[in-house]
Amino acid sequence: MKESLVNTVIVIAIVAIILIVVLISKSSKKDKPTVVVESKEKPEPSDIEPQASNSDESDIDYLNSFVVIDTETTGLSEGYQIIEIAVVDMNENILLSERIKPSIAIERSATKVHGIAESELSNVESFSSITEKLLLAIQGRRIAGYNLPYDTEAIYNSAIASDANIKLDNEALCVMQYANTTFKLTKSMKLTELCEAFSISTSNAHSASSDALMTVKLMKQLFEIENTFNGNYLPEFEEINPLNLSLCQDGDSLTEWTASDGRVMLFSPSSVGGSGRVAHLSETTKSMVTEIYKGDGAVEYIVNYESTIPTIEIKTYSEEEVENIENENQQQYIDSLRAELPVAGVVPKKGSLRLTLKNNILLEPYITQHFDINEQLFIQHQSLDSFLSGSLLLDFYDESGKLVAQQHLSKPWKRVAGIITSGYKATVQIVNATEKNNTKVDVIFDNA
């Protein structure tokens, strides 16, 4: 009987403990949900190296341990909520893709981006309905996302609004900050811009699943760069724009330009109106380049596609090398003119050409000359050898024989040079007064 009484007491105690646990669990659902994400504003290398958490973990295992989260939201206002969420693994399998009804209105500006209107969410449920699916999709995985803090804040806001309880304590990586670290950017680029740089399709951008898939592919590219260059991609440069770099061709020579604040920037050869900035020189590289220029040397920045990841090769030249290159280039130009001018020098049937004087300059200083209507200039006959041994510019004289201007050999003026060196002279009649550095002229040919 004593043993039976003891057993009864034990059973009652166990039942009491179970009831207490159930009551605590129920009351906890009313508490404010907690969202914890282990991410930093600017990740250190230890945050992204495969050995960060497990030294025995291979690179591929580390990469495959991630899932990417992306959300579309009600907008940017405080308390913004999720209207669409997706989770994708590194094999591009979509683990979760759901639309969610928010408790606040969708901003018009947000609808213009993702195209989702409130009327499309009338038959979907609140965030609490997908909480279990979300936790299952990320269970035991590292999480990543492009601007991940924005997505986790959206999860937090939606959890509060729908009285859901969720805790994200996964190891996490913000891919936007990962890109900023890789390319040494102080201003983040758009996800679509970075994807275009690596030929990742952006055709369905701004849906949660498409953006998550884009982020997966971008993350793989960044991981490849990280491993290929040991975490130090293009060490001589900062503010690298991979999109503008990807638009350059193999062997392109980048244009150097110094800003008023002292920054030295490189631009693609096709840059128009200041666009096409590829990178900035680091302070160390700028100091090195400055010393080369002080010694009358030269520097060239060549785009190199030896691998699928473009690089920039810095070529330096001494004063002697610069002089030799200039002489070689000059000789090549002279040789090309020697072949071109006799062919180009066909006198027009009417004996004249209507042309435009551009970049017409005085010898010193280099300023644009102004001419009035009906004014006349003269081009003297020269032999081909005499012309090629001179300035390689067309000389214009006034009536007194004074040199007043010169013209570079654009294609139309090469024809004039060809005619002049084949036994002719010319009178240049000003048709329209000089406007915006251009002067319309009739070049009238006559036998020398």
Protein backbone atom coordinates (compact mmCIF):
# COMPACT_ATOMS: atom_id res chain seq x y z
CA MET A 1 0.00 0.00 0.00
CA LYS A 2 2.90 2.35 0.79
CA GLU A 3 4.40 1.66 -2.66
CA SER A 4 1.03 2.39 -4.35
CA LEU A 5 0.78 5.72 -2.52
CA VAL A 6 4.27 6.73 -3.68
CA ASN A 7 3.42 5.90 -7.29
CA THR A 8 0.24 7.99 -7.06
CA VAL A 9 2.20 11.00 -5.76
CA ILE A 10 4.73 10.68 -8.62
CA VAL A 11 1.96 10.58 -11.24
CA ILE A 12 0.27 13.67 -9.75
CA ALA A 13 3.63 15.54 -9.79
CA ILE A 14 4.26 14.69 -13.46
CA VAL A 15 0.75 15.84 -14.45
CA ALA A 16 1.29 19.11 -12.57
CA ILE A 17 4.59 19.77 -14.35
CA ILE A 18 2.95 19.12 -17.74
CA LEU A 19 0.12 21.57 -16.94
CA ILE A 20 2.61 24.26 -15.90
CA VAL A 21 4.60 23.84 -19.15
CA VAL A 22 1.39 24.10 -21.24
CA LEU A 23 0.29 27.26 -19.42
CA ILE A 24 3.71 28.88 -19.92
CA SER A 25 3.67 27.98 -23.60
CA LYS A 26 0.23 29.53 -24.13
CA SER A 27 1.13 32.72 -22.34
CA SER A 28 4.36 33.09 -24.34
CA LYS A 29 2.39 33.39 -27.61
CA LYS A 30 1.12 36.74 -26.42
CA ASP A 31 4.63 38.09 -25.89
CA LYS A 32 6.33 40.37 -28.43
CA PRO A 33 7.99 38.16 -31.08
CA THR A 34 11.77 38.17 -31.25
CA VAL A 35 13.78 38.23 -34.44
CA VAL A 36 17.52 37.75 -34.08
CA VAL A 37 19.84 37.94 -37.10
CA GLU A 38 23.58 37.59 -36.64
CA SER A 39 24.68 40.07 -39.34
CA LYS A 40 26.93 43.13 -39.36
CA GLU A 41 26.76 46.39 -41.26
CA LYS A 42 30.02 45.56 -43.01
CA PRO A 43 31.06 41.90 -42.84
CA GLU A 44 34.64 41.06 -42.00
CA PRO A 45 36.38 38.30 -43.96
CA SER A 46 35.64 35.88 -41.12
CA ASP A 47 31.93 36.33 -41.84
CA ILE A 48 32.25 35.00 -45.37
CA GLU A 49 35.14 32.56 -45.35
CA PRO A 50 34.17 28.87 -45.45
CA GLN A 51 36.14 28.19 -42.26
CA ALA A 52 34.19 30.77 -40.24
CA SER A 53 32.12 28.23 -38.32
CA ASN A 54 33.75 24.89 -38.99
CA SER A 55 37.39 24.53 -40.02
CA ASP A 56 36.64 21.07 -41.48
CA GLU A 57 33.89 22.44 -43.72
CA SER A 58 34.73 22.52 -47.45
CA ASP A 59 34.09 25.57 -49.61
CA ILE A 60 31.23 23.88 -51.45
CA ASP A 61 29.65 22.64 -48.23
CA TYR A 62 29.85 26.12 -46.76
CA LEU A 63 28.20 27.68 -49.82
CA ASN A 64 25.51 25.01 -49.97
CA SER A 65 24.67 25.54 -46.30
CA PHE A 66 22.90 28.82 -47.22
CA VAL A 67 19.36 29.58 -48.21
CA VAL A 68 18.44 32.98 -49.63
CA ILE A 69 15.45 34.96 -48.38
CA ASP A 70 13.78 37.73 -50.36
CA THR A 71 10.64 39.75 -49.71
CA GLU A 72 8.38 42.20 -51.50
CA THR A 73 6.79 44.65 -49.09
CA THR A 74 4.18 47.34 -48.60
CA GLY A 75 6.83 50.05 -49.08
CA LEU A 76 9.53 51.89 -47.22
CA SER A 77 7.48 53.57 -44.48
CA GLU A 78 8.07 52.61 -40.86
CA GLY A 79 6.43 49.31 -39.99
CA TYR A 80 6.43 48.07 -43.60
CA GLN A 81 5.19 44.48 -43.97
CA ILE A 82 5.68 41.51 -46.26
CA ILE A 83 3.29 40.88 -49.15
CA GLU A 84 5.44 38.21 -50.81
CA ILE A 85 8.26 36.04 -49.47
CA ALA A 86 10.51 33.40 -50.99
CA VAL A 87 13.25 31.09 -49.75
CA VAL A 88 15.61 29.47 -52.28
CA ASP A 89 18.49 27.08 -51.67
CA MET A 90 21.87 27.24 -53.41
CA ASN A 91 20.78 24.61 -55.93
CA GLU A 92 18.08 27.09 -56.99
CA ASN A 93 15.26 25.02 -55.53
CA ILE A 94 12.35 27.19 -54.33
CA LEU A 95 11.64 26.03 -50.79
CA LEU A 96 8.99 28.67 -50.06
CA SER A 97 7.08 31.13 -52.24
CA GLU A 98 4.01 32.72 -50.71
CA ARG A 99 1.97 35.89 -50.90
CA ILE A 100 0.79 37.38 -47.62
CA LYS A 101 -1.99 39.78 -46.70
CA PRO A 102 -0.58 42.75 -44.73
CA SER A 103 -2.50 44.69 -42.10
CA ILE A 104 -1.53 48.03 -43.68
CA ALA A 105 -2.00 49.53 -47.14
CA ILE A 106 0.48 48.98 -49.96
CA GLU A 107 2.16 52.24 -51.01
CA ARG A 108 1.69 53.27 -54.64
CA SER A 109 5.42 53.64 -55.11
CA ALA A 110 5.89 50.03 -53.97
CA THR A 111 3.25 48.72 -56.38
CA LYS A 112 5.05 50.52 -59.22
CA VAL A 113 8.17 48.48 -58.37
CA HIS A 114 6.80 44.97 -57.75
CA GLY A 115 3.44 45.30 -59.52
CA ILE A 116 1.41 43.77 -56.69
CA ALA A 117 -1.90 45.51 -55.89
CA GLU A 118 -3.98 45.03 -52.75
CA SER A 119 -6.81 43.47 -54.79
CA GLU A 120 -4.49 40.56 -55.64
CA LEU A 121 -4.11 39.69 -51.94
CA SER A 122 -7.80 39.43 -51.02
CA ASN A 123 -7.74 35.60 -50.85
CA VAL A 124 -4.38 35.09 -49.11
CA GLU A 125 -3.76 34.77 -45.38
CA SER A 126 -1.65 36.73 -42.90
CA PHE A 127 1.99 36.11 -42.06
CA SER A 128 1.17 33.77 -39.16
CA SER A 129 -0.15 31.19 -41.64
CA ILE A 130 3.28 30.67 -43.22
CA THR A 131 5.45 30.94 -40.10
CA GLU A 132 5.85 27.18 -39.78
CA LYS A 133 6.76 26.83 -43.50
CA LEU A 134 9.32 29.62 -43.19
CA LEU A 135 10.99 28.10 -40.13
CA LEU A 136 11.08 24.68 -41.82
CA ALA A 137 12.69 26.17 -44.96
CA ILE A 138 15.53 27.79 -43.00
CA GLN A 139 15.92 25.17 -40.28
CA GLY A 140 19.57 24.27 -39.74
CA ARG A 141 20.70 26.54 -42.57
CA ARG A 142 22.65 29.76 -42.82
CA ILE A 143 20.54 32.54 -44.30
CA ALA A 144 21.47 35.22 -46.84
CA GLY A 145 19.69 37.99 -48.72
CA TYR A 146 20.36 41.12 -50.72
CA ASN A 147 19.99 43.88 -48.12
CA LEU A 148 19.11 41.19 -45.61
CA PRO A 149 18.41 43.60 -42.69
CA TYR A 150 15.54 45.04 -44.76
CA ASP A 151 14.02 41.57 -45.24
CA THR A 152 14.43 40.53 -41.61
CA GLU A 153 12.85 43.80 -40.47
CA ALA A 154 9.91 43.02 -42.77
CA ILE A 155 9.61 39.58 -41.15
CA TYR A 156 9.72 41.19 -37.70
CA ASN A 157 7.03 43.74 -38.60
CA SER A 158 4.76 41.12 -40.16
CA ALA A 159 5.18 38.83 -37.17
CA ILE A 160 4.09 41.60 -34.79
CA ALA A 161 1.13 42.55 -36.98
CA SER A 162 -0.16 38.95 -37.20
CA ASP A 163 0.61 37.98 -33.59
CA ALA A 164 3.11 35.37 -34.77
CA ASN A 165 6.08 34.21 -32.75
CA ILE A 166 9.28 33.66 -34.69
CA LYS A 167 12.96 33.71 -33.82
CA LEU A 168 15.68 33.83 -36.46
CA ASP A 169 18.99 32.98 -34.85
CA ASN A 170 20.63 31.50 -37.94
CA GLU A 171 24.12 32.53 -38.96
CA ALA A 172 23.49 35.18 -41.62
CA LEU A 173 25.14 37.07 -44.47
CA CYS A 174 23.98 40.24 -46.22
CA VAL A 175 24.92 39.76 -49.90
CA MET A 176 24.74 43.50 -50.54
CA GLN A 177 27.42 44.13 -47.91
CA TYR A 178 29.36 41.14 -49.25
CA ALA A 179 29.39 42.87 -52.68
CA ASN A 180 30.38 46.19 -51.08
CA THR A 181 33.34 44.51 -49.40
CA THR A 182 34.38 42.63 -52.57
CA PHE A 183 34.30 45.73 -54.78
CA LYS A 184 35.28 48.22 -52.05
CA LEU A 185 32.12 50.28 -52.55
CA THR A 186 30.96 53.06 -50.25
CA LYS A 187 27.61 53.24 -52.04
CA SER A 188 25.68 50.03 -52.67
CA MET A 189 24.68 49.02 -56.19
CA LYS A 190 21.28 47.66 -57.16
CA LEU A 191 20.81 43.90 -57.28
CA THR A 192 19.86 44.15 -60.97
CA GLU A 193 23.04 46.12 -61.80
CA LEU A 194 25.28 43.53 -60.18
CA CYS A 195 23.41 40.70 -61.88
CA GLU A 196 23.78 42.38 -65.28
CA ALA A 197 27.52 42.62 -64.63
CA PHE A 198 27.68 38.82 -64.43
CA SER A 199 25.17 38.10 -67.22
CA ILE A 200 22.51 36.94 -64.74
CA SER A 201 19.04 37.38 -66.20
CA THR A 202 16.99 40.16 -64.56
CA SER A 203 13.90 39.73 -66.77
CA ASN A 204 11.59 38.88 -63.84
CA ALA A 205 13.11 41.22 -61.26
CA HIS A 206 11.06 42.44 -58.29
CA SER A 207 9.23 39.25 -57.50
CA ALA A 208 10.42 37.55 -54.33
CA SER A 209 11.29 34.19 -55.91
CA SER A 210 13.02 35.77 -58.94
CA ASP A 211 15.06 38.15 -56.78
CA ALA A 212 16.01 35.28 -54.46
CA LEU A 213 17.18 33.21 -57.45
CA MET A 214 19.14 36.20 -58.77
CA THR A 215 20.75 36.61 -55.35
CA VAL A 216 21.73 32.92 -55.27
CA LYS A 217 23.51 33.27 -58.64
CA LEU A 218 25.15 36.55 -57.61
CA MET A 219 26.33 35.01 -54.35
CA LYS A 220 28.00 32.18 -56.28
CA GLN A 221 29.81 34.73 -58.44
CA LEU A 222 30.99 36.70 -55.40
CA PHE A 223 32.13 33.47 -53.76
CA GLU A 224 34.14 32.59 -56.90
CA ILE A 225 35.80 36.02 -56.87
CA GLU A 226 36.51 35.62 -53.15
CA ASN A 227 38.26 32.29 -53.69
CA THR A 228 40.02 33.21 -56.96
CA PHE A 229 41.60 36.37 -55.55
CA ASN A 230 41.96 35.28 -51.91
CA GLY A 231 39.61 38.01 -50.75
CA ASN A 232 41.58 40.81 -52.44
CA TYR A 233 40.06 41.55 -55.85
CA LEU A 234 41.86 44.33 -57.76
CA PRO A 235 43.88 45.56 -54.74
CA GLU A 236 45.15 48.65 -56.62
CA PHE A 237 41.61 50.03 -56.97
CA GLU A 238 38.56 51.11 -54.97
CA GLU A 239 34.93 51.86 -55.81
CA ILE A 240 35.00 49.17 -58.49
CA ASN A 241 31.87 49.17 -60.67
CA PRO A 242 31.63 45.60 -62.02
CA LEU A 243 28.81 46.52 -64.43
CA ASN A 244 30.83 49.23 -66.21
CA LEU A 245 33.90 46.99 -66.14
CA SER A 246 31.94 44.15 -67.75
CA LEU A 247 30.95 46.47 -70.61
CA CYS A 248 34.61 46.97 -71.55
CA GLN A 249 36.25 44.76 -74.14
CA ASP A 250 39.39 42.70 -73.62
CA GLY A 251 42.37 44.96 -74.23
CA ASP A 252 40.47 48.24 -73.77
CA SER A 253 42.55 51.07 -72.36
CA LEU A 254 40.70 52.93 -69.59
CA THR A 255 40.70 56.72 -69.47
CA GLU A 256 42.24 58.37 -66.40
CA TRP A 257 40.63 61.51 -64.96
CA THR A 258 41.44 63.46 -61.79
CA ALA A 259 38.55 65.07 -59.92
CA SER A 260 38.76 68.45 -58.21
CA ASP A 261 38.93 66.71 -54.81
CA GLY A 262 42.02 64.73 -55.86
CA ARG A 263 40.35 61.38 -56.55
CA VAL A 264 41.75 59.64 -59.62
CA MET A 265 39.07 57.76 -61.57
CA LEU A 266 39.12 55.39 -64.51
CA PHE A 267 36.42 55.46 -67.18
CA SER A 268 35.55 53.06 -69.99
CA PRO A 269 36.56 54.14 -73.53
CA SER A 270 32.88 54.53 -74.46
CA SER A 271 32.04 56.82 -71.51
CA VAL A 272 29.65 59.65 -72.38
CA GLY A 273 28.98 62.68 -70.19
CA GLY A 274 30.74 61.30 -67.13
CA SER A 275 29.07 57.88 -67.14
CA GLY A 276 31.06 54.69 -67.36
CA ARG A 277 33.19 55.09 -64.22
CA VAL A 278 34.97 51.77 -63.72
CA ALA A 279 37.05 52.35 -60.57
CA HIS A 280 39.06 54.76 -58.42
CA LEU A 281 42.77 54.45 -57.82
CA SER A 282 43.67 53.55 -54.25
CA GLU A 283 45.85 56.07 -52.40
CA THR A 284 48.87 53.77 -52.73
CA THR A 285 48.34 53.38 -56.49
CA LYS A 286 47.76 57.12 -56.90
CA SER A 287 51.08 57.86 -55.16
CA MET A 288 52.88 55.38 -57.41
CA VAL A 289 51.33 56.87 -60.56
CA THR A 290 52.18 60.43 -59.45
CA GLU A 291 55.85 59.52 -59.13
CA ILE A 292 55.85 58.00 -62.63
CA TYR A 293 54.35 61.18 -64.09
CA LYS A 294 56.93 63.31 -62.27
CA GLY A 295 59.61 61.37 -64.14
CA ASP A 296 57.84 62.06 -67.47
CA GLY A 297 56.73 58.44 -67.67
CA ALA A 298 53.26 57.16 -68.54
CA VAL A 299 50.69 54.73 -67.15
CA GLU A 300 48.12 52.64 -68.99
CA TYR A 301 45.20 50.69 -67.52
CA ILE A 302 44.30 47.67 -69.66
CA VAL A 303 41.16 45.52 -69.22
CA ASN A 304 42.13 41.86 -69.18
CA TYR A 305 39.83 38.86 -69.74
CA GLU A 306 42.30 36.02 -69.25
CA SER A 307 39.64 34.44 -67.01
CA THR A 308 35.87 34.93 -66.90
CA ILE A 309 36.41 37.54 -64.19
CA PRO A 310 37.77 40.78 -65.73
CA THR A 311 40.82 42.43 -64.21
CA ILE A 312 42.69 45.70 -64.81
CA GLU A 313 46.38 45.47 -65.65
CA ILE A 314 48.55 48.50 -64.83
CA LYS A 315 51.29 49.08 -67.40
CA THR A 316 53.99 51.66 -66.61
CA TYR A 317 56.43 53.28 -69.03
CA SER A 318 59.65 55.20 -68.41
CA GLU A 319 60.41 58.51 -70.12
CA GLU A 320 62.57 56.71 -72.69
CA GLU A 321 59.86 54.13 -73.37
CA VAL A 322 57.27 56.88 -73.81
CA GLU A 323 59.50 58.65 -76.33
CA ASN A 324 60.08 55.43 -78.26
CA ILE A 325 56.34 54.65 -78.35
CA GLU A 326 55.50 58.18 -79.52
CA ASN A 327 58.10 57.92 -82.28
CA GLU A 328 56.77 54.54 -83.38
CA ASN A 329 53.18 55.82 -83.39
CA GLN A 330 54.21 58.92 -85.32
CA GLN A 331 56.02 56.84 -87.91
CA GLN A 332 53.01 54.52 -88.28
CA TYR A 333 50.79 57.57 -88.83
CA ILE A 334 53.18 59.00 -91.44
CA ASP A 335 53.31 55.65 -93.23
CA SER A 336 49.51 55.45 -93.27
CA LEU A 337 49.25 59.02 -94.68
CA ARG A 338 51.83 58.20 -97.34
CA ALA A 339 49.52 55.43 -98.53
CA GLU A 340 46.22 57.32 -98.01
CA LEU A 341 46.80 60.81 -99.39
CA PRO A 342 47.56 59.95 -103.04
CA VAL A 343 44.40 57.83 -103.16
CA ALA A 344 42.29 60.48 -101.42
CA GLY A 345 43.57 63.33 -103.56
CA VAL A 346 40.97 63.23 -106.33
CA VAL A 347 39.93 66.73 -107.45
CA PRO A 348 36.10 67.11 -107.42
CA LYS A 349 34.45 67.72 -110.81
CA LYS A 350 33.18 71.15 -109.77
CA GLY A 351 36.62 72.06 -108.47
CA SER A 352 35.56 72.79 -104.88
CA LEU A 353 34.43 71.16 -101.64
CA ARG A 354 32.00 72.49 -98.99
CA LEU A 355 33.56 71.63 -95.62
CA THR A 356 33.57 72.70 -92.00
CA LEU A 357 36.65 73.97 -90.18
CA LYS A 358 36.78 72.30 -86.77
CA ASN A 359 39.42 72.48 -84.08
CA ASN A 360 41.12 75.18 -86.15
CA ILE A 361 43.92 76.42 -83.93
CA LEU A 362 46.70 78.94 -83.75
CA LEU A 363 50.14 77.56 -83.10
CA GLU A 364 50.50 79.30 -79.73
CA PRO A 365 48.37 79.49 -77.72
CA TYR A 366 45.88 76.80 -78.76
CA ILE A 367 42.73 78.86 -79.17
CA THR A 368 39.92 78.81 -81.68
CA GLN A 369 40.25 81.37 -84.45
CA HIS A 370 37.21 83.42 -85.53
CA PHE A 371 36.51 84.15 -89.20
CA ASP A 372 33.95 86.46 -90.82
CA ILE A 373 31.74 85.78 -93.83
CA ASN A 374 33.42 86.32 -97.25
CA GLU A 375 36.87 86.31 -95.66
CA GLN A 376 39.46 84.32 -97.62
CA LEU A 377 42.28 82.04 -96.52
CA PHE A 378 44.84 80.23 -98.63
CA ILE A 379 46.41 76.76 -98.61
CA GLN A 380 49.74 76.47 -100.39
CA HIS A 381 50.88 73.55 -102.49
CA GLN A 382 53.34 71.14 -100.87
CA SER A 383 55.01 67.99 -102.11
CA LEU A 384 53.99 64.80 -100.31
CA ASP A 385 57.45 64.40 -98.75
CA SER A 386 57.44 68.01 -97.58
CA PHE A 387 54.00 67.65 -96.03
CA LEU A 388 54.89 64.40 -94.25
CA SER A 389 58.05 65.91 -92.78
CA GLY A 390 56.11 68.87 -91.35
CA SER A 391 53.42 69.29 -88.72
CA LEU A 392 50.97 66.91 -90.47
CA LEU A 393 48.35 69.67 -90.21
CA LEU A 394 46.82 71.76 -93.01
CA ASP A 395 48.15 75.33 -92.82
CA PHE A 396 45.91 78.33 -93.58
CA TYR A 397 47.47 81.70 -94.54
CA ASP A 398 45.95 85.17 -94.92
CA GLU A 399 46.57 87.47 -97.92
CA SER A 400 49.86 88.72 -96.45
CA GLY A 401 51.17 85.17 -96.19
CA LYS A 402 50.83 84.99 -92.39
CA LEU A 403 49.98 81.59 -90.89
CA VAL A 404 46.63 82.16 -89.10
CA ALA A 405 45.23 78.70 -88.42
CA GLN A 406 45.71 74.98 -88.78
CA GLN A 407 43.34 72.06 -89.29
CA HIS A 408 43.71 68.49 -88.06
CA LEU A 409 43.34 65.80 -90.72
CA SER A 410 39.84 64.49 -90.24
CA LYS A 411 38.62 62.31 -93.11
CA PRO A 412 37.26 65.19 -95.29
CA TRP A 413 40.43 67.25 -94.77
CA LYS A 414 42.64 64.29 -95.66
CA ARG A 415 41.11 64.59 -99.12
CA VAL A 416 42.15 68.25 -99.23
CA ALA A 417 45.68 67.31 -98.14
CA GLY A 418 45.78 64.67 -100.84
CA ILE A 419 44.79 67.21 -103.51
CA ILE A 420 47.22 69.85 -102.23
CA THR A 421 50.14 67.37 -102.29
CA SER A 422 49.29 66.22 -105.83
CA GLY A 423 49.93 69.58 -107.57
CA TYR A 424 47.20 71.97 -106.43
CA LYS A 425 46.72 74.97 -104.18
CA ALA A 426 43.42 76.19 -102.70
CA THR A 427 41.44 79.30 -101.78
CA VAL A 428 39.28 78.86 -98.68
CA GLN A 429 36.16 81.05 -98.90
CA ILE A 430 34.36 81.64 -95.58
CA VAL A 431 30.66 80.88 -96.16
CA ASN A 432 29.32 81.42 -92.63
CA ALA A 433 30.96 83.31 -89.79
CA THR A 434 32.43 81.13 -87.03
CA GLU A 435 29.80 79.78 -84.61
CA LYS A 436 30.52 77.42 -81.75
CA ASN A 437 34.06 76.82 -83.01
CA ASN A 438 32.81 75.75 -86.46
CA THR A 439 33.21 77.63 -89.73
CA LYS A 440 31.51 76.65 -93.01
CA VAL A 441 33.89 77.07 -95.96
CA ASP A 442 34.23 76.42 -99.68
CA VAL A 443 37.65 75.01 -100.58
CA ILE A 444 38.30 76.02 -104.22
CA PHE A 445 41.18 74.21 -105.95
CA ASP A 446 43.49 75.57 -108.63
CA ASN A 447 46.65 74.26 -110.29
CA ALA A 448 49.80 75.15 -108.41
